[in-house]
Amino acid sequence: MPGTSAPTAPTVTVMSFHNGGRLRDMQGNTPSELAQTMDISLDGVAIYVDDAEAKASTPLRAGQVVSFQKSKVSSGSK
């Protein structure tokens, strides 16, 4: 029905170490939504949007590049 559908999420390019670094076009409003769609955990993962570190809740715009990378431990030990 016209006027009842939600706005379409922006299309972004996604790269993740989870899938071997292959580029993939996806739709999502936030990195968190993309991770849910890909069924990946964000534990120990650093998120980048257009080469800048970002949060899982960062709003996305069409054409951006989102990257999920292994987080580097910078201090302490587990």
N, C-alpha and C. Protein backbone atom coordinates (compact mmCIF):
# COMPACT_ATOMS: atom_id res chain seq x y z
N MET A 1 0.85 -1.18 0.00
CA MET A 1 0.00 0.00 0.00
C MET A 1 0.89 1.24 0.00
N PRO A 2 0.57 2.19 -0.82
CA PRO A 2 1.38 3.42 -0.86
C PRO A 2 1.34 4.16 0.47
N GLY A 3 2.49 4.69 0.85
CA GLY A 3 2.57 5.49 2.06
C GLY A 3 2.71 4.70 3.35
N THR A 4 2.72 3.38 3.29
CA THR A 4 2.80 2.59 4.52
C THR A 4 4.16 1.95 4.70
N SER A 5 5.00 1.96 3.69
CA SER A 5 6.31 1.31 3.82
C SER A 5 7.30 2.25 4.49
N ALA A 6 8.21 1.67 5.23
CA ALA A 6 9.26 2.44 5.91
C ALA A 6 10.25 2.94 4.87
N PRO A 7 10.91 4.06 5.16
CA PRO A 7 11.93 4.55 4.22
C PRO A 7 13.02 3.49 4.03
N THR A 8 13.54 3.43 2.82
CA THR A 8 14.59 2.47 2.53
C THR A 8 15.89 2.90 3.20
N ALA A 9 16.55 1.94 3.82
CA ALA A 9 17.84 2.21 4.46
C ALA A 9 18.87 2.52 3.39
N PRO A 10 19.87 3.35 3.72
CA PRO A 10 20.89 3.68 2.73
C PRO A 10 21.72 2.45 2.34
N THR A 11 22.18 2.44 1.09
CA THR A 11 23.06 1.37 0.62
C THR A 11 24.50 1.79 0.86
N VAL A 12 25.24 0.93 1.56
CA VAL A 12 26.64 1.19 1.87
C VAL A 12 27.47 -0.01 1.43
N THR A 13 28.77 0.18 1.32
CA THR A 13 29.69 -0.91 1.01
C THR A 13 30.28 -1.41 2.32
N VAL A 14 30.22 -2.73 2.52
CA VAL A 14 30.67 -3.32 3.78
C VAL A 14 31.84 -4.26 3.52
N MET A 15 32.86 -4.15 4.39
CA MET A 15 34.00 -5.06 4.36
C MET A 15 34.20 -5.59 5.77
N SER A 16 34.39 -6.90 5.89
CA SER A 16 34.56 -7.49 7.21
C SER A 16 35.58 -8.61 7.17
N PHE A 17 36.37 -8.69 8.24
CA PHE A 17 37.32 -9.81 8.33
C PHE A 17 36.56 -11.12 8.48
N HIS A 18 35.29 -11.07 8.89
CA HIS A 18 34.48 -12.28 9.06
C HIS A 18 34.28 -13.02 7.73
N ASN A 19 34.25 -12.27 6.62
CA ASN A 19 34.02 -12.92 5.32
C ASN A 19 35.25 -12.81 4.41
N GLY A 20 36.42 -12.67 5.01
CA GLY A 20 37.66 -12.63 4.24
C GLY A 20 37.94 -11.28 3.60
N GLY A 21 37.26 -10.23 4.05
CA GLY A 21 37.53 -8.89 3.54
C GLY A 21 36.88 -8.58 2.21
N ARG A 22 35.95 -9.42 1.76
CA ARG A 22 35.27 -9.16 0.49
C ARG A 22 34.31 -7.98 0.65
N LEU A 23 34.25 -7.15 -0.38
CA LEU A 23 33.33 -6.02 -0.38
C LEU A 23 31.92 -6.51 -0.72
N ARG A 24 30.95 -5.89 -0.07
CA ARG A 24 29.56 -6.30 -0.24
C ARG A 24 28.67 -5.07 -0.08
N ASP A 25 27.77 -4.84 -1.02
CA ASP A 25 26.80 -3.75 -0.88
C ASP A 25 25.64 -4.24 -0.03
N MET A 26 25.29 -3.44 0.98
CA MET A 26 24.21 -3.80 1.89
C MET A 26 23.40 -2.55 2.23
N GLN A 27 22.20 -2.78 2.75
CA GLN A 27 21.38 -1.67 3.23
C GLN A 27 21.29 -1.75 4.75
N GLY A 28 21.47 -0.60 5.40
CA GLY A 28 21.36 -0.55 6.85
C GLY A 28 21.49 0.88 7.34
N ASN A 29 20.86 1.17 8.46
CA ASN A 29 20.90 2.52 9.02
C ASN A 29 22.09 2.74 9.96
N THR A 30 22.62 1.64 10.53
CA THR A 30 23.74 1.72 11.46
C THR A 30 24.64 0.50 11.27
N PRO A 31 25.91 0.57 11.71
CA PRO A 31 26.77 -0.62 11.66
C PRO A 31 26.16 -1.79 12.45
N SER A 32 25.46 -1.49 13.54
CA SER A 32 24.83 -2.55 14.33
C SER A 32 23.81 -3.33 13.49
N GLU A 33 23.00 -2.61 12.70
CA GLU A 33 22.02 -3.28 11.83
C GLU A 33 22.73 -4.16 10.80
N LEU A 34 23.83 -3.67 10.25
CA LEU A 34 24.57 -4.46 9.27
C LEU A 34 25.11 -5.74 9.90
N ALA A 35 25.65 -5.61 11.12
CA ALA A 35 26.20 -6.78 11.82
C ALA A 35 25.10 -7.80 12.09
N GLN A 36 23.92 -7.34 12.47
CA GLN A 36 22.80 -8.26 12.70
C GLN A 36 22.42 -8.98 11.42
N THR A 37 22.37 -8.25 10.32
CA THR A 37 22.03 -8.85 9.03
C THR A 37 23.06 -9.90 8.63
N MET A 38 24.34 -9.61 8.91
CA MET A 38 25.42 -10.54 8.57
C MET A 38 25.57 -11.65 9.60
N ASP A 39 24.84 -11.55 10.71
CA ASP A 39 24.91 -12.52 11.81
C ASP A 39 26.32 -12.63 12.36
N ILE A 40 26.92 -11.46 12.64
CA ILE A 40 28.25 -11.44 13.24
C ILE A 40 28.19 -10.71 14.58
N SER A 41 29.07 -11.09 15.48
CA SER A 41 29.17 -10.45 16.78
C SER A 41 30.10 -9.25 16.67
N LEU A 42 29.82 -8.22 17.46
CA LEU A 42 30.70 -7.06 17.48
C LEU A 42 31.67 -7.09 18.64
N ASP A 43 31.72 -8.21 19.38
CA ASP A 43 32.69 -8.35 20.47
C ASP A 43 34.10 -8.43 19.87
N GLY A 44 35.00 -7.59 20.35
CA GLY A 44 36.38 -7.61 19.86
C GLY A 44 36.52 -7.08 18.45
N VAL A 45 35.54 -6.28 18.01
CA VAL A 45 35.55 -5.76 16.65
C VAL A 45 35.61 -4.24 16.68
N ALA A 46 36.48 -3.67 15.86
CA ALA A 46 36.54 -2.22 15.68
C ALA A 46 35.74 -1.88 14.42
N ILE A 47 34.92 -0.85 14.52
CA ILE A 47 34.07 -0.43 13.40
C ILE A 47 34.62 0.87 12.82
N TYR A 48 34.72 0.90 11.51
CA TYR A 48 35.17 2.12 10.82
C TYR A 48 34.15 2.49 9.76
N VAL A 49 33.87 3.79 9.64
CA VAL A 49 33.01 4.31 8.58
C VAL A 49 33.84 5.34 7.83
N ASP A 50 34.07 5.08 6.55
CA ASP A 50 34.92 5.96 5.74
C ASP A 50 36.26 6.24 6.42
N ASP A 51 36.92 5.19 6.91
CA ASP A 51 38.26 5.26 7.51
C ASP A 51 38.32 5.95 8.87
N ALA A 52 37.18 6.31 9.45
CA ALA A 52 37.17 6.90 10.79
C ALA A 52 36.51 5.92 11.75
N GLU A 53 37.13 5.72 12.93
CA GLU A 53 36.54 4.79 13.89
C GLU A 53 35.13 5.27 14.26
N ALA A 54 34.21 4.35 14.37
CA ALA A 54 32.80 4.68 14.61
C ALA A 54 32.20 3.75 15.65
N LYS A 55 31.04 4.14 16.15
CA LYS A 55 30.29 3.31 17.09
C LYS A 55 29.28 2.48 16.34
N ALA A 56 28.76 1.44 16.99
CA ALA A 56 27.75 0.58 16.38
C ALA A 56 26.48 1.36 16.04
N SER A 57 26.25 2.47 16.75
CA SER A 57 25.03 3.25 16.56
C SER A 57 25.19 4.43 15.59
N THR A 58 26.37 4.55 14.96
CA THR A 58 26.62 5.67 14.05
C THR A 58 25.65 5.64 12.88
N PRO A 59 24.92 6.74 12.63
CA PRO A 59 24.00 6.78 11.47
C PRO A 59 24.78 6.72 10.16
N LEU A 60 24.29 5.94 9.23
CA LEU A 60 24.97 5.77 7.94
C LEU A 60 24.26 6.55 6.84
N ARG A 61 25.07 6.97 5.84
CA ARG A 61 24.55 7.64 4.66
C ARG A 61 24.91 6.81 3.43
N ALA A 62 24.11 6.92 2.40
CA ALA A 62 24.34 6.18 1.17
C ALA A 62 25.75 6.45 0.64
N GLY A 63 26.41 5.39 0.19
CA GLY A 63 27.73 5.51 -0.42
C GLY A 63 28.89 5.39 0.54
N GLN A 64 28.62 5.33 1.84
CA GLN A 64 29.73 5.21 2.79
C GLN A 64 30.29 3.79 2.76
N VAL A 65 31.52 3.66 3.26
CA VAL A 65 32.18 2.36 3.38
C VAL A 65 32.27 2.02 4.86
N VAL A 66 31.73 0.87 5.23
CA VAL A 66 31.75 0.40 6.61
C VAL A 66 32.67 -0.80 6.69
N SER A 67 33.58 -0.77 7.66
CA SER A 67 34.56 -1.84 7.80
C SER A 67 34.50 -2.40 9.22
N PHE A 68 34.43 -3.72 9.32
CA PHE A 68 34.50 -4.41 10.61
C PHE A 68 35.87 -5.08 10.67
N GLN A 69 36.71 -4.67 11.64
CA GLN A 69 38.06 -5.19 11.75
C GLN A 69 38.30 -5.74 13.14
N LYS A 70 39.24 -6.67 13.25
CA LYS A 70 39.60 -7.19 14.57
C LYS A 70 40.14 -6.05 15.40
N SER A 71 39.64 -5.93 16.61
CA SER A 71 40.10 -4.88 17.52
C SER A 71 41.46 -5.25 18.06
N LYS A 72 42.35 -4.28 18.12
CA LYS A 72 43.68 -4.51 18.66
C LYS A 72 43.66 -4.22 20.14
N VAL A 73 44.22 -5.11 20.93
CA VAL A 73 44.33 -4.88 22.37
C VAL A 73 45.46 -3.90 22.59
N SER A 74 45.17 -2.77 23.24
CA SER A 74 46.19 -1.74 23.38
C SER A 74 46.84 -1.73 24.76
N SER A 75 46.19 -2.34 25.76
CA SER A 75 46.82 -2.38 27.07
C SER A 75 46.26 -3.53 27.88
N GLY A 76 47.04 -3.97 28.83
CA GLY A 76 46.59 -5.05 29.71
C GLY A 76 46.59 -6.40 29.03
N SER A 77 46.19 -7.40 29.80
CA SER A 77 46.08 -8.75 29.24
C SER A 77 44.85 -9.40 29.82
N LYS A 78 44.40 -10.43 29.12
CA LYS A 78 43.18 -11.12 29.58
C LYS A 78 43.53 -12.35 30.35
